[in-house]
Protein backbone atom coordinates (compact mmCIF):
# COMPACT_ATOMS: atom_id res chain seq x y z
CA MET A 1 0.22 -0.25 -0.19
CA GLU A 2 1.44 3.81 -0.98
CA GLN A 3 2.79 5.64 2.07
CA PRO A 4 0.29 8.65 2.57
CA SER A 5 3.22 12.28 1.77
CA HIS A 6 4.25 13.67 4.48
CA ILE A 7 4.53 16.93 5.45
CA LEU A 8 5.86 19.41 8.19
CA VAL A 9 4.46 22.35 10.17
CA VAL A 10 6.64 24.52 11.19
CA ASP A 11 4.85 27.87 13.30
CA ASP A 12 6.00 28.96 16.60
CA ASP A 13 2.21 29.54 17.24
CA SER A 14 0.33 26.12 18.65
CA MET A 15 -3.05 27.29 16.98
CA THR A 16 -1.93 28.03 13.89
CA ARG A 17 0.23 24.27 13.70
CA LEU A 18 -3.10 22.99 15.14
CA LEU A 19 -5.65 23.83 12.69
CA MET A 20 -2.92 22.98 9.59
CA ASN A 21 -2.51 19.42 11.15
CA THR A 22 -6.07 19.39 11.16
CA ILE A 23 -6.79 20.15 7.53
CA LEU A 24 -4.27 18.21 6.18
CA SER A 25 -4.65 15.32 8.44
CA ARG A 26 -8.06 15.62 6.56
CA MET A 27 -6.58 15.49 3.33
CA SER A 28 -4.85 11.91 4.39
CA TYR A 29 -1.67 13.24 4.42
CA LYS A 30 0.95 12.48 7.34
CA VAL A 31 1.67 15.64 9.39
CA SER A 32 4.32 16.35 11.60
CA GLU A 33 5.32 19.78 13.63
CA ALA A 34 8.10 21.69 14.57
CA PHE A 35 7.79 24.80 16.54
CA ASP A 36 10.57 27.11 15.18
CA GLY A 37 13.39 27.50 12.89
CA LEU A 38 15.91 25.07 14.85
CA ASP A 39 13.31 22.68 15.78
CA ALA A 40 11.93 22.26 12.12
CA TRP A 41 16.15 21.47 10.83
CA GLU A 42 16.25 18.50 13.39
CA LYS A 43 13.18 17.33 12.09
CA VAL A 44 13.69 17.76 8.87
CA ILE A 45 17.12 15.72 9.13
CA ALA A 46 15.46 13.12 10.84
CA LEU A 47 11.97 12.42 8.73
CA SER A 48 12.77 13.71 5.36
CA PRO A 49 9.52 15.13 4.80
CA ASP A 50 8.34 15.45 1.04
CA LEU A 51 6.96 19.39 2.10
CA ILE A 52 7.66 21.62 4.40
CA ILE A 53 5.06 24.47 5.22
CA LEU A 54 6.78 26.93 7.60
CA ASP A 55 6.00 30.79 9.09
CA VAL A 56 8.39 33.24 8.68
CA SER A 57 8.08 35.34 11.71
CA MET A 58 9.75 32.96 14.20
CA PRO A 59 12.19 32.90 16.92
CA ARG A 60 15.96 31.93 17.46
CA MET A 61 15.66 30.71 13.83
CA ASP A 62 12.99 32.50 10.96
CA GLY A 63 11.41 30.84 7.99
CA LEU A 64 13.47 32.84 5.64
CA GLU A 65 16.58 32.01 7.20
CA LEU A 66 15.76 28.33 7.58
CA THR A 67 14.69 28.06 3.61
CA HIS A 68 18.22 29.59 2.63
CA LYS A 69 19.73 26.66 5.07
CA LEU A 70 17.52 23.53 3.38
CA LYS A 71 18.11 25.16 -0.13
CA ASN A 72 21.82 24.78 0.46
CA ASP A 73 22.03 21.70 1.63
CA SER A 74 22.67 18.71 -0.79
CA GLN A 75 20.47 16.63 1.63
CA THR A 76 17.67 19.14 1.85
CA LYS A 77 17.24 21.37 -1.09
CA ASN A 78 15.12 19.05 -3.69
CA ILE A 79 11.66 19.46 -0.34
CA PRO A 80 10.05 22.07 -1.54
CA ILE A 81 8.97 24.72 0.71
CA MET A 82 5.62 26.83 1.48
CA ILE A 83 5.73 30.04 3.20
CA LEU A 84 3.02 30.81 5.29
CA SER A 85 3.03 34.06 6.35
CA ASN A 86 0.41 37.42 7.60
CA LEU A 87 2.53 39.36 5.54
CA ASP A 88 1.06 39.42 1.53
CA GLU A 89 3.17 42.39 0.88
CA VAL A 90 5.23 42.07 -3.11
CA THR A 91 8.43 42.77 -0.99
CA ASP A 92 7.65 39.47 1.23
CA ARG A 93 7.38 37.69 -1.71
CA VAL A 94 10.34 38.29 -3.24
CA LYS A 95 12.38 38.11 -0.20
CA ALA A 96 10.78 34.17 0.01
CA VAL A 97 11.59 33.33 -3.28
CA GLU A 98 15.24 35.04 -3.40
CA ALA A 99 15.46 32.76 0.17
CA GLY A 100 14.62 29.61 -2.18
CA ALA A 101 11.10 28.80 -1.56
CA ASP A 102 8.83 27.39 -4.03
CA ASP A 103 5.47 28.94 -3.04
CA PHE A 104 3.77 31.07 -0.69
CA LEU A 105 0.39 31.00 1.33
CA PRO A 106 -0.82 34.36 3.21
CA LYS A 107 -2.95 33.21 6.45
CA PRO A 108 -5.85 33.20 7.02
CA VAL A 109 -5.60 30.19 5.36
CA GLU A 110 -8.22 29.29 2.80
CA GLN A 111 -8.14 25.42 2.43
CA ILE A 112 -9.32 24.79 -1.39
CA ILE A 113 -6.20 26.95 -2.19
CA LEU A 114 -3.85 25.35 -0.07
CA LYS A 115 -5.20 22.46 -0.77
CA ALA A 116 -4.15 22.79 -5.16
CA LYS A 117 -0.70 24.18 -3.87
CA VAL A 118 -0.25 21.45 -1.74
CA ASN A 119 -1.37 18.91 -4.33
CA SER A 120 0.78 20.50 -7.00
CA LEU A 121 4.23 21.00 -4.34
CA LEU A 122 3.96 16.87 -3.79
CA LYS A 123 3.57 16.17 -7.69
CA ILE A 124 6.79 18.28 -8.16
CA LYS A 125 8.00 16.47 -5.16
CA ALA A 126 7.28 13.02 -6.72
CA TYR A 127 9.02 14.23 -10.22
CA ASN A 128 12.17 15.30 -8.43
CA ASP A 129 12.52 12.01 -6.57
CA HIS A 130 11.49 10.24 -10.06
CA MET A 131 13.91 11.72 -11.63
CA GLN A 132 16.81 11.55 -8.58
CA SER A 133 15.91 7.66 -8.51
CA TYR A 134 16.42 7.42 -12.13
CA GLN A 135 20.04 9.44 -12.43
CA ILE A 136 21.03 6.98 -9.41
CA LYS A 137 19.82 3.93 -11.32
CA LEU A 138 21.53 5.18 -14.62
CA GLU A 139 24.45 5.81 -12.91
CA GLU A 140 24.47 2.34 -10.79
CA GLU A 141 24.14 0.82 -14.70
CA VAL A 142 26.74 2.90 -16.11
CA ALA A 143 29.54 2.09 -13.14
CA LYS A 144 28.17 -1.62 -13.89
CA LYS A 145 28.79 -1.01 -17.33
CA THR A 146 32.30 0.43 -16.81
CA ALA A 147 33.29 -2.17 -14.50
CA LYS A 148 32.31 -5.00 -17.17
CA LEU A 149 33.84 -2.62 -19.85
CA LYS A 150 37.52 -2.53 -17.77
CA HIS A 151 37.32 -5.84 -16.96
CA ALA A 152 36.77 -6.79 -20.90
CA PHE A 153 39.91 -4.77 -21.62
CA ASP A 154 41.84 -5.88 -18.62
CA GLU A 155 41.46 -9.26 -19.97
CA LEU A 156 42.45 -8.22 -23.60
CA ASP A 157 45.13 -6.37 -22.40
CA ALA A 158 46.40 -9.49 -20.58
CA ALA A 159 45.62 -11.75 -23.82
CA SER A 160 47.61 -9.15 -25.48
CA LYS A 161 50.89 -9.41 -23.23
CA LYS A 162 50.49 -13.07 -23.06
CA LEU A 163 50.56 -12.90 -27.06
CA ARG A 164 53.56 -10.84 -26.91
CA LEU A 165 55.29 -13.28 -24.30
CA TYR A 166 54.01 -16.26 -26.77
CA SER A 167 55.84 -14.20 -29.98
CA LEU A 168 58.61 -13.21 -28.41
CA ASP A 169 59.70 -16.69 -27.40
CA THR A 170 58.67 -18.17 -30.80
CA ILE A 171 61.16 -15.31 -32.03
CA LEU A 172 63.72 -16.86 -30.03
CA ARG A 173 62.86 -20.29 -31.03
CA LEU A 174 62.88 -19.61 -35.08
CA SER A 175 65.98 -17.21 -34.26
CA GLN A 176 68.12 -20.20 -32.56
CA ALA A 177 67.56 -22.23 -35.40
CA ALA A 178 70.12 -20.29 -37.70
CA GLU A 179 73.17 -21.47 -35.03
CA TYR A 180 71.68 -24.68 -33.95
CA LYS A 181 75.40 -26.38 -32.97
CA ASP A 182 76.13 -22.99 -30.96
CA GLN A 183 75.00 -23.77 -27.85
CA GLU A 184 76.36 -20.06 -26.79
CA THR A 185 73.78 -18.22 -29.14
CA GLY A 186 70.61 -19.23 -27.53
CA GLN A 187 71.82 -17.09 -24.97
CA HIS A 188 73.63 -14.71 -27.03
CA ILE A 189 70.18 -13.64 -28.42
CA GLN A 190 68.16 -12.95 -25.35
CA ARG A 191 71.31 -10.72 -24.22
CA ILE A 192 71.53 -8.92 -27.67
CA GLY A 193 67.53 -7.91 -27.01
CA TYR A 194 68.27 -7.22 -23.56
CA TYR A 195 70.99 -5.19 -24.65
CA ILE A 196 69.11 -3.07 -27.28
CA GLN A 197 66.33 -2.70 -24.83
CA ARG A 198 68.46 -1.33 -22.03
CA ILE A 199 70.47 0.78 -24.70
CA ALA A 200 67.44 2.19 -26.25
CA GLN A 201 65.90 3.31 -22.74
CA ALA A 202 68.62 5.36 -22.45
CA THR A 203 67.68 7.24 -25.58
CA SER A 204 64.68 9.43 -26.12
CA LEU A 205 63.28 6.42 -27.72
CA SER A 206 59.22 5.78 -27.19
CA ASN A 207 58.29 2.63 -25.25
CA GLN A 208 57.01 1.54 -28.34
CA GLU A 209 60.02 1.79 -30.41
CA ILE A 210 62.16 -0.17 -27.85
CA GLU A 211 59.58 -3.04 -27.79
CA GLU A 212 59.74 -3.32 -31.31
CA PHE A 213 62.98 -3.42 -31.41
CA LEU A 214 63.36 -5.99 -28.83
CA TYR A 215 61.21 -8.33 -30.43
CA ALA A 216 62.99 -7.51 -33.91
CA ALA A 217 66.63 -7.70 -33.15
CA PRO A 218 66.92 -11.80 -32.06
CA MET A 219 66.27 -12.36 -35.93
CA HIS A 220 69.09 -10.33 -36.97
CA ASP A 221 71.13 -13.40 -37.64
CA VAL A 222 68.22 -15.14 -39.17
CA GLY A 223 70.44 -15.43 -42.60
CA LYS A 224 73.06 -17.62 -41.56
CA ILE A 225 70.85 -20.78 -41.81
CA GLY A 226 72.11 -20.28 -45.60
CA ILE A 227 75.61 -20.08 -44.69
CA PRO A 228 77.74 -23.35 -44.97
CA ASP A 229 78.52 -25.00 -41.23
CA SER A 230 82.04 -25.08 -42.68
CA ILE A 231 82.04 -21.59 -42.56
CA LEU A 232 80.05 -21.03 -39.90
CA MET A 233 82.03 -23.22 -37.65
CA LYS A 234 85.38 -22.74 -38.85
CA PRO A 235 88.05 -22.63 -36.05
CA GLY A 236 90.36 -20.50 -37.47
CA LYS A 237 90.20 -17.30 -39.92
CA LEU A 238 88.01 -17.01 -43.26
CA ASN A 239 89.55 -16.68 -46.32
CA ASP A 240 88.75 -14.08 -48.57
CA GLU A 241 86.41 -16.15 -50.05
CA GLU A 242 84.68 -17.84 -46.92
CA TRP A 243 84.28 -14.12 -46.09
CA THR A 244 82.19 -13.24 -48.87
CA ILE A 245 80.02 -15.89 -48.26
CA MET A 246 79.51 -14.97 -44.66
CA LYS A 247 78.52 -11.55 -45.30
CA GLN A 248 75.73 -12.80 -47.52
CA HIS A 249 74.01 -13.52 -44.24
CA THR A 250 72.88 -9.74 -43.93
CA THR A 251 71.21 -9.84 -47.40
CA ILE A 252 69.49 -13.63 -46.92
CA GLY A 253 68.18 -12.74 -43.73
CA GLY A 254 66.96 -9.95 -45.21
CA LYS A 255 65.34 -11.69 -48.18
CA ILE A 256 63.66 -14.32 -45.57
CA LEU A 257 62.24 -11.24 -43.59
CA SER A 258 60.69 -9.58 -46.20
CA GLY A 259 57.37 -9.01 -47.96
CA SER A 260 55.07 -9.50 -44.22
CA ASP A 261 52.48 -7.15 -43.20
CA SER A 262 54.00 -7.43 -39.58
CA SER A 263 55.94 -4.00 -38.09
CA THR A 264 57.76 -6.09 -36.33
CA LEU A 265 59.32 -8.56 -39.13
CA LYS A 266 59.77 -5.63 -41.02
CA THR A 267 62.08 -4.29 -38.54
CA ALA A 268 63.37 -7.29 -38.21
CA GLU A 269 64.11 -7.09 -41.52
CA ILE A 270 65.89 -3.88 -41.80
CA ILE A 271 68.29 -5.21 -38.86
CA ALA A 272 69.15 -8.35 -40.76
CA LEU A 273 69.65 -5.86 -43.28
CA THR A 274 71.60 -3.08 -41.97
CA HIS A 275 73.52 -4.49 -38.25
CA HIS A 276 77.03 -4.84 -40.09
CA GLU A 277 76.86 -1.59 -41.45
CA LYS A 278 79.44 0.95 -39.43
CA TRP A 279 79.43 4.64 -38.93
CA ASP A 280 81.99 5.48 -41.26
CA GLY A 281 80.37 3.65 -44.02
CA SER A 282 83.18 0.81 -44.05
CA GLY A 283 80.57 -1.88 -43.19
CA TYR A 284 78.63 -4.07 -45.37
CA PRO A 285 75.90 -5.09 -47.40
CA ASN A 286 76.03 -1.89 -48.73
CA ASN A 287 78.31 1.04 -47.19
CA LEU A 288 75.74 2.89 -45.97
CA LYS A 289 77.01 5.80 -43.47
CA GLY A 290 76.32 7.50 -40.64
CA LEU A 291 72.68 8.84 -40.33
CA GLU A 292 72.20 6.89 -43.72
CA ILE A 293 72.02 3.37 -41.51
CA PRO A 294 68.99 3.09 -40.00
CA LEU A 295 68.61 3.26 -35.76
CA SER A 296 67.76 -0.01 -35.54
CA GLY A 297 70.58 -1.22 -37.55
CA ARG A 298 72.97 0.83 -35.51
CA ILE A 299 71.87 0.22 -32.09
CA THR A 300 71.77 -3.79 -33.07
CA ALA A 301 75.54 -2.84 -33.98
CA ILE A 302 76.54 -2.14 -30.58
CA ALA A 303 74.79 -4.88 -28.86
CA ASP A 304 75.90 -7.46 -31.29
CA VAL A 305 79.82 -6.61 -31.39
CA PHE A 306 79.76 -6.24 -27.62
CA ASP A 307 78.49 -9.41 -27.59
CA ALA A 308 80.89 -11.05 -29.65
CA LEU A 309 84.04 -9.32 -28.15
CA THR A 310 82.49 -10.66 -24.63
CA SER A 311 81.78 -14.67 -26.18
CA LYS A 312 83.68 -17.27 -27.03
CA ARG A 313 83.79 -18.67 -30.67
CA PRO A 314 85.05 -21.51 -32.50
CA TYR A 315 87.90 -18.39 -33.96
CA LYS A 316 88.07 -16.90 -30.54
CA GLU A 317 88.41 -17.05 -26.96
CA ALA A 318 86.06 -14.54 -25.00
CA PHE A 319 87.93 -11.05 -24.42
CA SER A 320 87.73 -9.63 -21.43
CA MET A 321 85.33 -6.96 -19.83
CA GLU A 322 88.00 -4.75 -19.90
CA LYS A 323 89.14 -5.03 -23.54
CA ALA A 324 85.76 -5.45 -24.48
CA PHE A 325 84.46 -1.76 -23.28
CA ALA A 326 87.97 -0.44 -24.75
CA ILE A 327 87.39 -1.77 -28.04
CA MET A 328 83.95 -0.58 -27.93
CA ARG A 329 85.29 3.21 -26.90
CA ASP A 330 88.02 2.91 -29.72
CA GLY A 331 84.56 2.11 -32.25
CA LYS A 332 83.02 5.88 -31.59
CA ALA A 333 82.20 7.59 -34.13
CA ASN A 334 83.78 5.39 -36.72
CA HIS A 335 82.45 1.74 -36.39
CA PHE A 336 79.38 3.44 -34.03
CA ASP A 337 76.97 6.10 -33.88
CA PRO A 338 78.64 8.30 -31.34
CA ASP A 339 75.21 9.33 -29.60
CA LEU A 340 74.43 5.51 -29.04
CA ILE A 341 77.95 4.72 -28.18
CA ASP A 342 77.35 7.22 -25.53
CA ALA A 343 73.92 6.11 -24.53
CA PHE A 344 75.65 2.26 -24.65
CA PHE A 345 78.42 2.99 -21.86
CA ALA A 346 75.52 5.59 -19.71
CA VAL A 347 74.26 1.71 -18.86
CA LYS A 348 77.33 0.14 -19.01
CA ASP A 349 76.49 -1.73 -15.38
CA ASP A 350 73.43 -3.02 -16.98
CA ILE A 351 75.57 -4.20 -20.09
CA VAL A 352 77.44 -6.17 -17.59
CA ALA A 353 74.36 -7.56 -15.18
CA ILE A 354 72.77 -8.77 -18.32
CA ARG A 355 75.88 -10.26 -19.53
CA HIS A 356 75.92 -12.14 -16.16
CA LYS A 357 72.98 -13.25 -16.29
CA TYR A 358 72.09 -14.92 -19.27
CA SER A 359 75.34 -16.43 -19.89
CA ASN A 360 76.21 -20.32 -19.84
């Protein structure tokens, strides 16, 4: 059963309160009373009435002051207020409206006018309550949908990260196939990626560019799959003919990786082709010089040479860290991009840590 609307009557005159209570109760409204503004404030907070009918002239807190207080409080601002007063001047009406009153009723009260005004204000209150309830429900629904959408995005992001990890694992495994006979190569491929990542972080490269290089760099020597084992595994120095064949691993790698729509494989193609180019133009296969060499190739060259220097190969023993860093420093501005070699030395301690962590 629907509950009757609740009206709070506020007046310091007990006879007026009794009269209003009687009239409104006969109209089937629930009626509460307050004897002044402060008493009314406490009861409004406690009872949350649907309508307040109050006198203007009251002790402690008058009707206009109470109206202003109620209309400026988020908890009570939507409760309609009807000012009841002996005064009927235009100035009094203006003051009531300025305070925030919703209607004005002069004394003595005419029941038919009172009934009409009360019905009107209660309809406004019911509509406002409905809209407020609708707004709350709408916000709750939006919050639920937002939470579901965030959960879906989180799951998608997690799946994307997992896919990237699987892709990197696959790339590492495929890259190792080029030199599967050399147990050092698997660690070499990992180190190259992490060296490049750390050097790149010391530059102004974006996270997206760094991740792209991290994924693409392990494929830098994939072209070695086309080099005969007799040359690849030769324990001594290569002769001119053998060296010419060995250098072909750059172009072979470029051909293997070419023609893909994947941005990672496109970057890998560039790295495979250019990681043996040198800053002074004396590298191979195309004798590119300076900034003609793509950034991905220049940064991979630093990582690849450093790892080769500190690793045992069929044709040499591993150099000490001190000797390797000295050779790298000597390569500035002839073999290596000067700015990138500075970045390499800026993270020297991290490079050493990576070398130790991913060693046999």
